[in-house]
Amino acid sequence: MAKILVADDEKSIRLVLKKYLTSKGHSVIEASNGEEALKAIREQKPDVAFIDIKMPKLDGLSLLKRVKEIPVVILTAYGTMEYTVKAMELGAVDYLTKPFSFEEIEEVLSKILAAPPTGQESESGGDIVGSSKKMQEVFKLVGRVAKSSITVLITGESGTGKEVIARAIHNFSDRKEKPFIAVNCAALPPNLLEAELFGYEKGAFTGATTSKKGLFEQANGGTLFLDEIGELPVELQAKLLRVLQEKEVRPIGGTKSRKVDVRVIAATNRDLEEEVKKGNFREDLYFRLNVVKIELPPLRERREDILPLAHHFIKKFSGEFKLEPKELSEDAVEFLLSYDFPGNVRELENMILRAMVLSSGKVISRSDLTPQEGRGPEKSIEEAVRSMLVKLLSVEQKEPNNLYSLIVKSAEKVVISEVLKFCNFNQVKAAKILGIHRNTLRKKIRELGIKV
């Protein structure tokens, strides 16, 4: 049996854990703050430590920096990616979000005690909400892989946040000061996609009046995110495989290859194993990409994250669009928790934005979250603009002098962003739907600071 330290400023947590662990035959040392925990580790040398992340005198993360000799499991009520990844980076062997179950404690403890001693060096070197067990497992994987340059494959349904996770891996890595470049493999025809990825030399084809660096070279030292990799044309898969193997690219029309240092993160909502069987995707490329797989669960499989996400989006849009913060009514909460969200987190985000703009009071009701019969898109747009105007005029202490600009820019950004998402960021298709020239769209994207 093991000697276990339980460090938490909440007496009830210590008592519950002590009672459970002693019932399993373990001996337990208690600490109510970080300094007591550090002293206990130095003097009593426990086999394992369960440590709260928020404690007086010395918090859990600061304690982790000073303790490398024993396995540490972090306990916290804060289910955010930042805390999870930081804890894993500093050497925590696991991370449990309160309220946790005895089954989780037993599972973690069994894994630690069964493992041979190897020292406690970290295996790995936002703005993402998710305290569910499935998302915590995702966060732990991010923490473990971020510091390396290993290739990562992110899978999951549309709208689950694959690019957000890819950005998080980049931002927690040593490459964070270098470029993060994202490209949607389904958004461009094969010839343009090849030119975008690998670049081209002057005169390589009609219209190539100058040479252009491809995205691999532009991302040199950083990260290249290949979204919808399952849509990559077969003729480009061999060229991508060579880049991953040789760490060099040859532009279209070029005679020499150029070395590149790029971490590749790919994402797909397709079953690539099935695509390999069908002959649509190269098996060797699949194995090259699938070194570490991060599977994002759909929102319906982590319902405990729905309300925290909804509140997060309410806070986000209140600041971004100068809207009054709102509460969720009981029927709104009931609807959100029962709805399956086929569009996942993206659908929830859009639903909350629409409700923030259209709801007339300080409370978002179920009717604000669900489309009403007889209301066409033109009517909804009119109501949205009218509601925003009323709110701005009522919130402002004096008459605004930039109301037209504020309304137009806010509306433009939302319309262009959503149309781009709908078109998988295919700017040609988006410009056609919007009824504007592609050059005008590009200008608006730059002016409004829209991420593509």
Protein backbone atom coordinates (compact mmCIF):
# COMPACT_ATOMS: atom_id res chain seq x y z
CA MET A 1 0.00 0.00 0.00
CA ALA A 2 1.09 3.59 -0.55
CA LYS A 3 1.75 6.70 1.52
CA ILE A 4 -0.35 9.45 -0.05
CA LEU A 5 -0.35 13.23 0.47
CA VAL A 6 -3.66 15.08 0.11
CA ALA A 7 -3.10 18.85 -0.07
CA ASP A 8 -6.23 21.01 -0.30
CA ASP A 9 -7.43 24.11 1.58
CA GLU A 10 -10.95 22.62 1.71
CA LYS A 11 -11.20 20.45 4.80
CA SER A 12 -14.15 18.49 3.39
CA ILE A 13 -12.09 17.39 0.35
CA ARG A 14 -9.25 16.22 2.60
CA LEU A 15 -11.59 14.29 4.89
CA VAL A 16 -13.45 12.57 2.05
CA LEU A 17 -10.25 11.55 0.26
CA LYS A 18 -8.62 10.42 3.51
CA LYS A 19 -11.61 8.24 4.42
CA TYR A 20 -11.69 6.65 0.96
CA LEU A 21 -7.92 6.09 0.65
CA THR A 22 -7.53 4.64 4.16
CA SER A 23 -10.43 2.27 3.42
CA LYS A 24 -8.28 0.96 0.57
CA GLY A 25 -5.34 0.37 2.93
CA HIS A 26 -3.28 3.46 2.14
CA SER A 27 -1.83 5.85 4.73
CA VAL A 28 -2.71 9.54 4.25
CA ILE A 29 -0.86 12.75 5.07
CA GLU A 30 -2.92 15.97 5.08
CA ALA A 31 -1.85 19.52 4.19
CA SER A 32 -4.07 22.63 4.16
CA ASN A 33 -1.75 24.88 2.14
CA GLY A 34 1.17 24.75 -0.27
CA GLU A 35 3.90 25.31 2.31
CA GLU A 36 2.62 22.46 4.49
CA ALA A 37 2.50 20.24 1.39
CA LEU A 38 6.09 21.08 0.43
CA LYS A 39 7.28 20.37 3.97
CA ALA A 40 5.43 17.03 4.02
CA ILE A 41 6.98 16.01 0.69
CA ARG A 42 10.49 16.89 1.87
CA GLU A 43 10.21 15.28 5.34
CA GLN A 44 7.74 12.39 5.00
CA LYS A 45 8.47 11.43 1.38
CA PRO A 46 5.02 10.23 0.22
CA ASP A 47 4.66 7.92 -2.78
CA VAL A 48 1.96 10.02 -4.48
CA ALA A 49 0.52 13.51 -3.96
CA PHE A 50 -2.97 14.82 -4.75
CA ILE A 51 -2.62 18.61 -4.80
CA ASP A 52 -5.22 21.36 -5.22
CA ILE A 53 -4.28 23.96 -7.84
CA LYS A 54 -5.55 26.90 -5.75
CA MET A 55 -4.12 26.98 -2.21
CA PRO A 56 -2.90 29.71 0.16
CA LYS A 57 0.80 30.46 0.65
CA LEU A 58 1.92 28.31 -2.30
CA ASP A 59 -0.41 27.27 -5.13
CA GLY A 60 -0.38 23.90 -6.87
CA LEU A 61 1.46 25.05 -10.01
CA SER A 62 4.21 26.75 -7.98
CA LEU A 63 4.52 23.58 -5.90
CA LEU A 64 4.82 21.49 -9.08
CA LYS A 65 7.80 23.58 -10.17
CA ARG A 66 9.63 22.64 -6.97
CA VAL A 67 8.63 18.97 -6.73
CA LYS A 68 10.05 16.45 -9.20
CA GLU A 69 10.69 13.45 -6.97
CA ILE A 70 7.14 12.05 -6.66
CA PRO A 71 4.12 11.67 -8.96
CA VAL A 72 1.69 14.59 -8.55
CA VAL A 73 -2.01 14.59 -9.47
CA ILE A 74 -3.58 18.04 -9.70
CA LEU A 75 -7.09 18.63 -8.31
CA THR A 76 -9.02 21.67 -9.46
CA ALA A 77 -12.44 23.24 -9.90
CA TYR A 78 -11.16 25.11 -12.96
CA GLY A 79 -11.81 23.12 -16.14
CA THR A 80 -9.79 25.25 -18.56
CA MET A 81 -7.20 24.22 -21.10
CA GLU A 82 -4.63 26.71 -19.78
CA TYR A 83 -4.50 25.16 -16.31
CA THR A 84 -4.51 21.60 -17.64
CA VAL A 85 -1.74 22.12 -20.18
CA LYS A 86 0.40 24.11 -17.72
CA ALA A 87 0.07 21.36 -15.11
CA MET A 88 1.05 18.66 -17.61
CA GLU A 89 3.98 20.77 -18.83
CA LEU A 90 5.26 21.15 -15.25
CA GLY A 91 5.21 17.39 -14.73
CA ALA A 92 1.81 16.46 -13.29
CA VAL A 93 1.00 12.84 -14.10
CA ASP A 94 -2.72 13.57 -14.22
CA TYR A 95 -5.33 16.28 -13.69
CA LEU A 96 -8.77 15.75 -12.12
CA THR A 97 -11.58 18.29 -12.21
CA LYS A 98 -13.85 18.69 -9.18
CA PRO A 99 -16.24 17.10 -8.49
CA PHE A 100 -14.36 13.88 -9.18
CA SER A 101 -15.48 10.33 -8.43
CA PHE A 102 -13.78 7.65 -6.34
CA GLU A 103 -13.56 5.60 -9.53
CA GLU A 104 -11.41 8.33 -11.09
CA ILE A 105 -9.17 8.45 -8.01
CA GLU A 106 -8.78 4.67 -8.06
CA GLU A 107 -8.05 4.63 -11.80
CA VAL A 108 -5.33 7.29 -11.53
CA LEU A 109 -3.81 5.72 -8.44
CA SER A 110 -3.72 2.25 -9.97
CA LYS A 111 -1.98 3.61 -13.06
CA ILE A 112 0.65 5.44 -10.97
CA LEU A 113 1.39 2.59 -8.56
CA ALA A 114 1.57 0.03 -11.36
CA ALA A 115 4.09 2.07 -13.38
CA PRO A 116 7.82 1.54 -12.86
CA PRO A 117 9.65 4.56 -11.39
CA THR A 118 11.00 6.71 -14.20
CA GLY A 119 11.44 10.14 -12.57
CA GLN A 120 8.86 12.81 -13.09
CA GLU A 121 10.07 14.84 -16.05
CA SER A 122 7.23 16.25 -18.11
CA GLU A 123 6.55 14.39 -21.32
CA SER A 124 5.57 17.59 -23.02
CA GLY A 125 7.69 20.39 -23.04
CA GLY A 126 -7.15 29.70 -23.72
CA ASP A 127 -9.57 30.14 -24.50
CA ILE A 128 -11.24 26.70 -24.56
CA VAL A 129 -13.96 25.67 -22.14
CA GLY A 130 -14.44 22.06 -21.13
CA SER A 131 -14.49 20.49 -17.68
CA SER A 132 -15.95 17.20 -18.95
CA LYS A 133 -13.79 14.12 -18.65
CA LYS A 134 -13.54 13.76 -22.43
CA MET A 135 -12.29 17.33 -22.91
CA GLN A 136 -9.89 17.01 -19.99
CA GLU A 137 -8.35 14.02 -21.77
CA VAL A 138 -8.00 16.21 -24.88
CA PHE A 139 -6.33 18.95 -22.83
CA LYS A 140 -3.90 16.44 -21.32
CA LEU A 141 -2.93 15.24 -24.80
CA VAL A 142 -2.35 18.83 -25.88
CA GLY A 143 -0.08 19.31 -22.88
CA ARG A 144 1.89 16.17 -23.69
CA VAL A 145 2.43 16.83 -27.40
CA ALA A 146 2.73 20.63 -27.49
CA LYS A 147 6.45 20.92 -26.73
CA SER A 148 7.51 18.38 -29.33
CA SER A 149 7.34 18.77 -33.10
CA ILE A 150 5.47 15.52 -33.56
CA THR A 151 2.77 15.39 -36.27
CA VAL A 152 -0.77 15.44 -34.87
CA LEU A 153 -4.04 14.33 -36.48
CA ILE A 154 -7.19 15.93 -35.03
CA THR A 155 -10.46 14.18 -35.80
CA GLY A 156 -14.05 15.11 -35.02
CA GLU A 157 -17.32 16.28 -36.48
CA SER A 158 -17.65 19.71 -38.08
CA GLY A 159 -17.89 22.47 -35.52
CA THR A 160 -16.15 20.63 -32.66
CA GLY A 161 -13.21 23.06 -32.60
CA LYS A 162 -10.42 21.27 -34.45
CA GLU A 163 -8.67 24.49 -35.51
CA VAL A 164 -8.96 25.86 -31.96
CA ILE A 165 -7.13 22.80 -30.64
CA ALA A 166 -4.51 23.09 -33.39
CA ARG A 167 -3.89 26.73 -32.42
CA ALA A 168 -3.65 25.72 -28.77
CA ILE A 169 -0.95 23.13 -29.57
CA HIS A 170 0.96 25.83 -31.44
CA ASN A 171 0.50 28.45 -28.71
CA PHE A 172 1.74 26.11 -25.98
CA SER A 173 4.75 25.00 -28.05
CA ASP A 174 8.23 26.45 -28.47
CA ARG A 175 7.10 27.55 -31.96
CA LYS A 176 4.53 30.03 -30.61
CA GLU A 177 6.55 33.08 -31.72
CA LYS A 178 6.66 31.72 -35.28
CA PRO A 179 3.79 31.64 -37.80
CA PHE A 180 0.66 29.53 -37.45
CA ILE A 181 -0.82 29.14 -40.93
CA ALA A 182 -4.10 27.36 -41.63
CA VAL A 183 -5.31 26.13 -45.01
CA ASN A 184 -8.57 24.36 -45.84
CA CYS A 185 -7.75 21.56 -48.28
CA ALA A 186 -11.37 21.49 -49.49
CA ALA A 187 -11.58 25.20 -50.27
CA LEU A 188 -9.35 25.33 -53.36
CA PRO A 189 -9.18 23.39 -56.62
CA PRO A 190 -6.16 21.02 -56.89
CA ASN A 191 -3.99 23.27 -59.09
CA LEU A 192 -4.44 26.30 -56.84
CA LEU A 193 -3.97 24.24 -53.68
CA GLU A 194 -0.66 22.87 -54.99
CA ALA A 195 0.54 26.39 -55.75
CA GLU A 196 -0.59 27.61 -52.32
CA LEU A 197 1.11 24.77 -50.43
CA PHE A 198 4.38 24.47 -52.30
CA GLY A 199 4.77 27.82 -54.08
CA TYR A 200 5.90 28.38 -57.64
CA GLU A 201 8.68 29.95 -59.69
CA LYS A 202 8.25 32.82 -62.12
CA GLY A 203 7.02 31.50 -65.48
CA ALA A 204 5.97 28.12 -64.08
CA PHE A 205 2.53 28.57 -65.62
CA THR A 206 0.47 31.22 -67.38
CA GLY A 207 0.00 34.13 -65.02
CA ALA A 208 3.04 33.35 -62.84
CA THR A 209 4.68 36.73 -63.41
CA THR A 210 6.62 36.50 -60.13
CA SER A 211 7.83 33.74 -57.84
CA LYS A 212 5.82 32.99 -54.72
CA LYS A 213 6.67 31.13 -51.54
CA GLY A 214 4.24 28.38 -50.63
CA LEU A 215 2.60 27.99 -47.23
CA PHE A 216 5.21 25.45 -46.13
CA GLU A 217 7.95 28.05 -46.58
CA GLN A 218 5.80 30.81 -45.09
CA ALA A 219 5.25 28.66 -41.99
CA ASN A 220 8.97 27.85 -41.64
CA GLY A 221 9.84 27.52 -37.96
CA GLY A 222 6.15 27.44 -37.06
CA THR A 223 3.07 25.31 -37.63
CA LEU A 224 1.05 24.51 -40.74
CA PHE A 225 -2.53 23.41 -40.08
CA LEU A 226 -4.02 21.32 -42.89
CA ASP A 227 -7.77 21.36 -42.29
CA GLU A 228 -10.04 18.86 -44.07
CA ILE A 229 -7.02 16.74 -45.00
CA GLY A 230 -9.40 13.98 -46.12
CA GLU A 231 -10.34 16.19 -49.09
CA LEU A 232 -6.74 16.47 -50.31
CA PRO A 233 -6.61 15.33 -53.97
CA VAL A 234 -4.81 12.02 -54.48
CA GLU A 235 -2.29 13.64 -56.83
CA LEU A 236 -1.13 15.98 -54.04
CA GLN A 237 -0.94 13.30 -51.36
CA ALA A 238 2.34 11.89 -52.72
CA LYS A 239 3.91 15.35 -52.76
CA LEU A 240 2.78 16.05 -49.20
CA LEU A 241 4.18 12.70 -48.08
CA ARG A 242 7.56 13.59 -49.56
CA VAL A 243 7.61 16.92 -47.72
CA LEU A 244 6.85 15.19 -44.43
CA GLN A 245 9.55 12.56 -45.03
CA GLU A 246 12.31 14.74 -46.47
CA LYS A 247 11.53 18.05 -44.69
CA GLU A 248 11.93 19.92 -47.96
CA VAL A 249 9.70 21.40 -50.66
CA ARG A 250 10.15 21.99 -54.37
CA PRO A 251 8.07 24.85 -55.83
CA ILE A 252 6.15 24.32 -59.06
CA GLY A 253 8.57 24.96 -61.91
CA GLY A 254 11.57 24.79 -59.56
CA THR A 255 14.68 22.65 -60.05
CA LYS A 256 15.94 22.67 -56.45
CA SER A 257 14.31 21.65 -53.19
CA ARG A 258 14.35 23.91 -50.15
CA LYS A 259 14.63 22.74 -46.54
CA VAL A 260 11.75 23.64 -44.24
CA ASP A 261 11.24 23.24 -40.50
CA VAL A 262 7.48 23.01 -40.14
CA ARG A 263 5.28 21.20 -37.69
CA VAL A 264 2.23 19.76 -39.46
CA ILE A 265 -1.12 19.40 -37.71
CA ALA A 266 -3.89 17.89 -39.83
CA ALA A 267 -7.62 17.66 -39.18
CA THR A 268 -10.55 15.83 -40.72
CA ASN A 269 -14.18 14.97 -40.09
CA ARG A 270 -13.83 11.88 -42.29
CA ASP A 271 -12.90 8.33 -41.26
CA LEU A 272 -9.46 8.19 -42.89
CA GLU A 273 -9.08 4.48 -42.26
CA GLU A 274 -12.23 3.91 -44.30
CA GLU A 275 -10.93 6.31 -46.98
CA VAL A 276 -7.72 4.27 -47.15
CA LYS A 277 -9.76 1.08 -47.70
CA LYS A 278 -11.70 2.80 -50.49
CA GLY A 279 -8.46 3.90 -52.17
CA ASN A 280 -9.20 7.60 -51.68
CA PHE A 281 -6.35 8.21 -49.25
CA ARG A 282 -2.79 6.89 -49.27
CA GLU A 283 -2.07 4.47 -46.45
CA ASP A 284 1.54 5.63 -46.06
CA LEU A 285 0.41 9.25 -45.75
CA TYR A 286 -2.23 8.26 -43.21
CA PHE A 287 0.37 6.58 -40.99
CA ARG A 288 2.72 9.54 -41.41
CA LEU A 289 -0.01 11.95 -40.24
CA ASN A 290 -1.51 9.73 -37.56
CA VAL A 291 1.47 9.74 -35.19
CA VAL A 292 -0.67 11.16 -32.38
CA LYS A 293 -4.45 11.32 -32.79
CA ILE A 294 -6.64 13.72 -30.83
CA GLU A 295 -10.32 12.85 -31.13
CA LEU A 296 -12.71 15.69 -30.33
CA PRO A 297 -16.06 14.52 -28.94
CA PRO A 298 -19.28 16.03 -30.30
CA LEU A 299 -21.03 18.44 -27.97
CA ARG A 300 -23.91 16.00 -27.37
CA GLU A 301 -21.41 13.61 -25.74
CA ARG A 302 -20.19 16.22 -23.26
CA ARG A 303 -23.39 17.94 -22.19
CA GLU A 304 -21.84 19.16 -18.93
CA ASP A 305 -19.84 21.64 -21.05
CA ILE A 306 -22.89 23.19 -22.75
CA LEU A 307 -23.83 25.72 -20.08
CA PRO A 308 -20.22 26.81 -19.32
CA LEU A 309 -19.73 27.30 -23.07
CA ALA A 310 -22.98 29.28 -23.35
CA HIS A 311 -21.94 31.59 -20.51
CA HIS A 312 -18.50 31.95 -22.08
CA PHE A 313 -20.04 33.06 -25.39
CA ILE A 314 -22.39 35.49 -23.61
CA LYS A 315 -19.40 37.13 -21.93
CA LYS A 316 -17.42 37.11 -25.19
CA PHE A 317 -20.14 38.77 -27.29
CA SER A 318 -20.96 41.29 -24.56
CA GLY A 319 -17.45 42.67 -24.91
CA GLU A 320 -17.00 42.16 -28.64
CA PHE A 321 -20.26 43.82 -29.75
CA LYS A 322 -20.92 46.10 -26.75
CA LEU A 323 -24.04 44.16 -25.81
CA GLU A 324 -25.57 44.04 -22.35
CA PRO A 325 -24.69 40.83 -20.46
CA LYS A 326 -27.65 38.47 -20.18
CA GLU A 327 -28.83 35.55 -18.09
CA LEU A 328 -30.32 32.29 -19.35
CA SER A 329 -33.91 31.54 -18.36
CA GLU A 330 -34.88 28.14 -16.95
CA ASP A 331 -36.56 27.11 -20.20
CA ALA A 332 -33.48 28.24 -22.16
CA VAL A 333 -31.25 26.10 -19.94
CA GLU A 334 -33.63 23.15 -20.33
CA PHE A 335 -33.58 23.54 -24.12
CA LEU A 336 -29.78 23.82 -24.33
CA LEU A 337 -29.24 20.73 -22.21
CA SER A 338 -31.73 18.66 -24.22
CA TYR A 339 -30.70 19.80 -27.73
CA ASP A 340 -28.30 17.56 -29.67
CA PHE A 341 -26.34 20.34 -31.47
CA PRO A 342 -25.63 18.69 -34.84
CA GLY A 343 -23.41 21.70 -35.60
CA ASN A 344 -21.58 21.26 -32.26
CA VAL A 345 -19.79 24.18 -30.56
CA ARG A 346 -20.01 26.37 -33.67
CA GLU A 347 -23.80 25.99 -33.69
CA LEU A 348 -24.00 26.88 -29.99
CA GLU A 349 -21.81 29.94 -30.57
CA ASN A 350 -24.00 31.18 -33.43
CA MET A 351 -27.16 30.44 -31.42
CA ILE A 352 -25.95 32.53 -28.48
CA LEU A 353 -24.88 35.42 -30.74
CA ARG A 354 -28.30 35.50 -32.39
CA ALA A 355 -30.04 35.38 -28.99
CA MET A 356 -27.81 38.15 -27.60
CA VAL A 357 -28.82 40.45 -30.44
CA LEU A 358 -32.50 39.53 -30.73
CA SER A 359 -33.61 39.12 -27.10
CA SER A 360 -35.40 42.23 -25.87
CA GLY A 361 -34.70 41.96 -22.15
CA LYS A 362 -31.90 40.98 -19.80
CA VAL A 363 -32.84 37.31 -19.98
CA ILE A 364 -32.40 34.92 -22.92
CA SER A 365 -35.46 32.68 -23.23
CA ARG A 366 -36.02 29.50 -25.23
CA SER A 367 -37.81 31.47 -27.96
CA ASP A 368 -34.64 33.54 -28.45
CA LEU A 369 -32.64 30.37 -29.05
CA THR A 370 -34.99 28.65 -31.49
CA PRO A 371 -36.24 30.06 -34.84
CA GLN A 372 -39.89 31.15 -34.75
CA GLU A 373 -42.39 30.19 -37.45
CA GLY A 374 -43.24 32.90 -39.95
CA ARG A 375 -39.99 34.73 -39.45
CA GLY A 376 -37.91 34.89 -42.63
CA PRO A 377 -34.19 35.72 -42.79
CA GLU A 378 -34.87 39.30 -43.92
CA LYS A 379 -37.11 39.90 -40.90
CA SER A 380 -34.51 38.41 -38.56
CA ILE A 381 -31.81 40.68 -39.95
CA GLU A 382 -34.02 43.73 -39.55
CA GLU A 383 -34.83 42.75 -35.96
CA ALA A 384 -31.18 42.13 -35.17
CA VAL A 385 -30.09 45.55 -36.43
CA ARG A 386 -33.04 47.29 -34.75
CA SER A 387 -32.38 45.52 -31.44
CA MET A 388 -28.67 46.40 -31.56
CA LEU A 389 -29.51 50.06 -32.24
CA VAL A 390 -31.94 50.23 -29.32
CA LYS A 391 -29.37 48.70 -26.98
CA LEU A 392 -26.55 51.01 -28.07
CA LEU A 393 -28.71 54.12 -27.74
CA SER A 394 -29.91 53.07 -24.30
CA VAL A 395 -26.47 52.11 -22.99
CA GLU A 396 -24.62 55.20 -24.22
CA GLN A 397 -24.60 58.01 -21.65
CA LYS A 398 -24.41 60.63 -24.37
CA GLU A 399 -25.33 60.71 -28.01
CA PRO A 400 -22.79 58.60 -29.94
CA ASN A 401 -20.91 60.21 -32.80
CA ASN A 402 -19.87 57.02 -34.58
CA LEU A 403 -23.10 55.01 -34.56
CA TYR A 404 -23.24 54.37 -38.31
CA SER A 405 -19.64 53.14 -38.43
CA LEU A 406 -20.10 50.96 -35.34
CA ILE A 407 -23.26 49.26 -36.63
CA VAL A 408 -21.96 48.77 -40.18
CA LYS A 409 -18.59 47.33 -39.09
CA SER A 410 -20.16 44.99 -36.53
CA ALA A 411 -22.71 43.72 -39.05
CA GLU A 412 -20.10 43.39 -41.82
CA LYS A 413 -17.79 41.35 -39.63
CA VAL A 414 -20.54 38.94 -38.57
CA VAL A 415 -21.94 38.53 -42.11
CA ILE A 416 -18.57 38.03 -43.80
CA SER A 417 -17.27 35.68 -41.05
CA GLU A 418 -20.35 33.47 -41.18
CA VAL A 419 -20.47 33.31 -44.97
CA LEU A 420 -16.76 32.37 -45.04
CA LYS A 421 -17.41 29.56 -42.52
CA PHE A 422 -20.37 28.36 -44.58
CA CYS A 423 -18.15 28.21 -47.67
CA ASN A 424 -15.28 26.47 -45.84
CA PHE A 425 -13.31 29.69 -46.34
CA ASN A 426 -13.49 29.41 -50.12
CA GLN A 427 -13.22 33.14 -50.88
CA VAL A 428 -14.40 32.81 -54.48
CA LYS A 429 -17.62 31.11 -53.37
CA ALA A 430 -18.08 33.51 -50.43
CA ALA A 431 -17.68 36.58 -52.68
CA LYS A 432 -20.31 35.15 -55.03
CA ILE A 433 -22.81 34.61 -52.19
CA LEU A 434 -22.12 38.06 -50.78
CA GLY A 435 -22.44 39.62 -54.24
CA ILE A 436 -19.09 41.42 -54.07
CA HIS A 437 -15.80 41.13 -55.96
CA ARG A 438 -13.17 38.78 -54.52
CA ASN A 439 -10.70 41.67 -54.16
CA THR A 440 -13.31 43.60 -52.18
CA LEU A 441 -13.77 40.58 -49.93
CA ARG A 442 -10.02 40.31 -49.32
CA LYS A 443 -9.89 44.01 -48.45
CA LYS A 444 -12.77 43.63 -45.98
CA ILE A 445 -11.11 40.60 -44.37
CA ARG A 446 -7.97 42.69 -43.73
CA GLU A 447 -9.85 45.78 -42.56
CA LEU A 448 -12.12 43.90 -40.15
CA GLY A 449 -9.39 41.62 -38.83
CA ILE A 450 -11.24 38.43 -39.75
CA LYS A 451 -9.19 35.25 -39.24
CA VAL A 452 -9.15 32.96 -42.27
